[in-house]
Amino acid sequence: MATTRAPTFSDFAASVARAAGRPGTFAASLLLIMAWAVTGPLFHYSDTWQLIINTGTTIVTFLMVFLIQNTQNRDGAAIQAKLDELIRASAAQNAYIGIEHLTEEELDTLRSRCEERARSFRLSEAADAAEESANAKAAAAARTATGS
């Protein structure tokens, strides 16, 4: 027997965020704005006519900020959990798990250390490539000198 759970604010926020991102929602909003603009001459561009669109858009924007932020928070947490699991299951350093909780200064220090390691690795790779090239040239020269 399957259990059903009551819809939560997160469910509501996710469905509103999905609906808000659809082309049909954009088209409906555009039609609403056009209808409002067309009625301007009818209402002699009155203060009330302007107040209607200002109030409506302000309310929608205010509410959407919270709904979309909720969705973004959950998505960010899910991605972070996936990344932590990949780090834990791989040969990567487990020290990186949970770094999203560090201060900005600690993250800057860690980022600088990672960049320095990457720079050192690139320099090491460049030196290895130069050494391989030199060895290949020396081997070719030796073959040429011996007539092989």
Protein backbone atom coordinates (compact mmCIF):
# COMPACT_ATOMS: atom_id res chain seq x y z
CA MET A 1 0.00 0.00 0.00
CA ALA A 2 1.54 3.29 -1.12
CA THR A 3 1.49 6.18 1.26
CA THR A 4 0.76 9.67 0.08
CA ARG A 5 2.17 12.72 1.71
CA ALA A 6 0.65 16.13 2.01
CA PRO A 7 2.00 18.73 -0.40
CA THR A 8 4.50 21.05 1.25
CA PHE A 9 5.62 24.60 0.63
CA SER A 10 8.60 23.15 -1.25
CA ASP A 11 6.27 21.23 -3.56
CA PHE A 12 4.25 24.38 -4.15
CA ALA A 13 7.39 26.47 -4.75
CA ALA A 14 8.78 23.92 -7.21
CA SER A 15 5.55 23.77 -9.21
CA VAL A 16 5.22 27.57 -9.33
CA ALA A 17 8.88 27.92 -10.38
CA ARG A 18 8.33 25.34 -13.16
CA ALA A 19 5.17 27.11 -14.31
CA ALA A 20 6.83 30.53 -14.22
CA GLY A 21 9.58 29.31 -16.53
CA ARG A 22 7.28 28.08 -19.28
CA PRO A 23 6.85 29.96 -22.56
CA GLY A 24 3.07 29.94 -22.09
CA THR A 25 3.41 31.80 -18.80
CA PHE A 26 5.57 34.42 -20.46
CA ALA A 27 3.07 34.77 -23.31
CA ALA A 28 0.17 35.12 -20.86
CA SER A 29 2.07 37.81 -18.94
CA LEU A 30 2.86 39.62 -22.17
CA LEU A 31 -0.82 39.51 -23.20
CA LEU A 32 -1.84 40.85 -19.79
CA ILE A 33 0.59 43.78 -20.12
CA MET A 34 -0.62 44.48 -23.65
CA ALA A 35 -4.25 44.44 -22.49
CA TRP A 36 -3.37 46.85 -19.71
CA ALA A 37 -1.54 49.15 -22.15
CA VAL A 38 -4.48 49.12 -24.60
CA THR A 39 -6.85 50.21 -21.83
CA GLY A 40 -4.70 53.27 -21.09
CA PRO A 41 -6.63 55.66 -23.35
CA LEU A 42 -9.92 54.27 -22.02
CA PHE A 43 -8.96 55.32 -18.50
CA HIS A 44 -7.14 58.48 -19.65
CA TYR A 45 -3.87 57.07 -18.31
CA SER A 46 -5.11 57.81 -14.80
CA ASP A 47 -3.18 57.27 -11.59
CA THR A 48 -5.47 54.34 -10.77
CA TRP A 49 -4.72 52.76 -14.17
CA GLN A 50 -0.97 53.03 -13.46
CA LEU A 51 -1.40 51.86 -9.87
CA ILE A 52 -3.05 48.64 -11.02
CA ILE A 53 -0.03 47.46 -13.02
CA ASN A 54 2.48 48.75 -10.48
CA THR A 55 0.76 47.01 -7.58
CA GLY A 56 0.19 43.79 -9.51
CA THR A 57 3.76 43.46 -10.71
CA THR A 58 5.17 44.38 -7.30
CA ILE A 59 3.11 41.71 -5.55
CA VAL A 60 3.97 39.02 -8.11
CA THR A 61 7.68 39.93 -7.99
CA PHE A 62 7.73 39.97 -4.18
CA LEU A 63 6.14 36.51 -3.91
CA MET A 64 8.19 34.99 -6.74
CA VAL A 65 11.44 35.94 -5.03
CA PHE A 66 10.61 33.66 -2.09
CA LEU A 67 9.27 30.82 -4.21
CA ILE A 68 12.23 30.79 -6.58
CA GLN A 69 14.72 31.18 -3.72
CA ASN A 70 13.23 28.12 -2.04
CA THR A 71 13.65 26.13 -5.24
CA GLN A 72 17.23 27.38 -5.71
CA ASN A 73 18.13 26.50 -2.12
CA ARG A 74 16.91 22.93 -2.55
CA ASP A 75 18.63 22.56 -5.93
CA GLY A 76 21.89 23.91 -4.49
CA ALA A 77 21.71 21.54 -1.51
CA ALA A 78 21.03 18.57 -3.80
CA ILE A 79 23.95 19.45 -6.07
CA GLN A 80 26.22 19.90 -3.05
CA ALA A 81 25.20 16.49 -1.70
CA LYS A 82 25.95 14.89 -5.08
CA LEU A 83 29.35 16.58 -5.28
CA ASP A 84 30.17 15.52 -1.71
CA GLU A 85 29.30 11.92 -2.57
CA LEU A 86 31.48 12.03 -5.71
CA ILE A 87 34.38 13.39 -3.66
CA ARG A 88 33.84 10.78 -0.94
CA ALA A 89 33.68 7.91 -3.44
CA SER A 90 36.69 9.02 -5.51
CA ALA A 91 40.37 9.51 -4.92
CA ALA A 92 39.75 13.23 -4.38
CA GLN A 93 40.49 14.80 -1.03
CA ASN A 94 37.67 14.28 1.48
CA ALA A 95 38.75 17.56 3.07
CA TYR A 96 36.69 19.33 0.40
CA ILE A 97 33.42 17.86 1.66
CA GLY A 98 31.42 20.59 3.39
CA ILE A 99 33.57 23.53 2.30
CA GLU A 100 30.41 25.48 1.48
CA HIS A 101 30.25 26.20 5.22
CA LEU A 102 33.66 27.94 5.32
CA THR A 103 34.04 31.70 5.62
CA GLU A 104 34.77 33.79 2.55
CA GLU A 105 38.41 34.19 3.65
CA GLU A 106 38.84 30.43 4.16
CA LEU A 107 37.36 29.78 0.72
CA ASP A 108 39.71 32.35 -0.83
CA THR A 109 42.70 30.64 0.80
CA LEU A 110 41.54 27.23 -0.38
CA ARG A 111 40.89 28.55 -3.90
CA SER A 112 44.39 30.09 -4.01
CA ARG A 113 45.93 26.78 -2.90
CA CYS A 114 44.02 24.90 -5.61
CA GLU A 115 45.05 27.43 -8.26
CA GLU A 116 48.70 27.13 -7.18
CA ARG A 117 48.53 23.31 -7.38
CA ALA A 118 46.95 23.57 -10.84
CA ARG A 119 49.69 25.99 -11.95
CA SER A 120 52.39 23.66 -10.59
CA PHE A 121 50.75 20.71 -12.33
CA ARG A 122 50.63 22.60 -15.66
CA LEU A 123 54.29 23.58 -15.29
CA SER A 124 55.18 19.99 -14.44
CA GLU A 125 53.25 18.76 -17.48
CA ALA A 126 55.00 21.33 -19.68
CA ALA A 127 58.40 20.23 -18.35
CA ASP A 128 57.50 16.57 -18.94
CA ALA A 129 56.39 17.37 -22.49
CA ALA A 130 59.60 19.30 -23.17
CA GLU A 131 61.65 16.41 -21.81
CA GLU A 132 59.77 13.90 -23.96
CA SER A 133 60.30 16.09 -27.02
CA ALA A 134 64.01 16.42 -26.31
CA ASN A 135 64.32 12.65 -25.80
CA ALA A 136 62.47 11.97 -29.06
CA LYS A 137 64.75 14.40 -30.94
CA ALA A 138 67.85 12.83 -29.39
CA ALA A 139 66.66 9.35 -30.34
CA ALA A 140 65.93 10.50 -33.90
CA ALA A 141 69.37 12.12 -34.12
CA ALA A 142 71.00 8.93 -32.84
CA ARG A 143 69.13 6.84 -35.39
CA THR A 144 70.19 9.23 -38.16
CA ALA A 145 73.81 9.15 -36.99
CA THR A 146 73.90 5.35 -36.91
CA GLY A 147 72.16 5.10 -40.26
CA SER A 148 69.13 3.15 -38.97
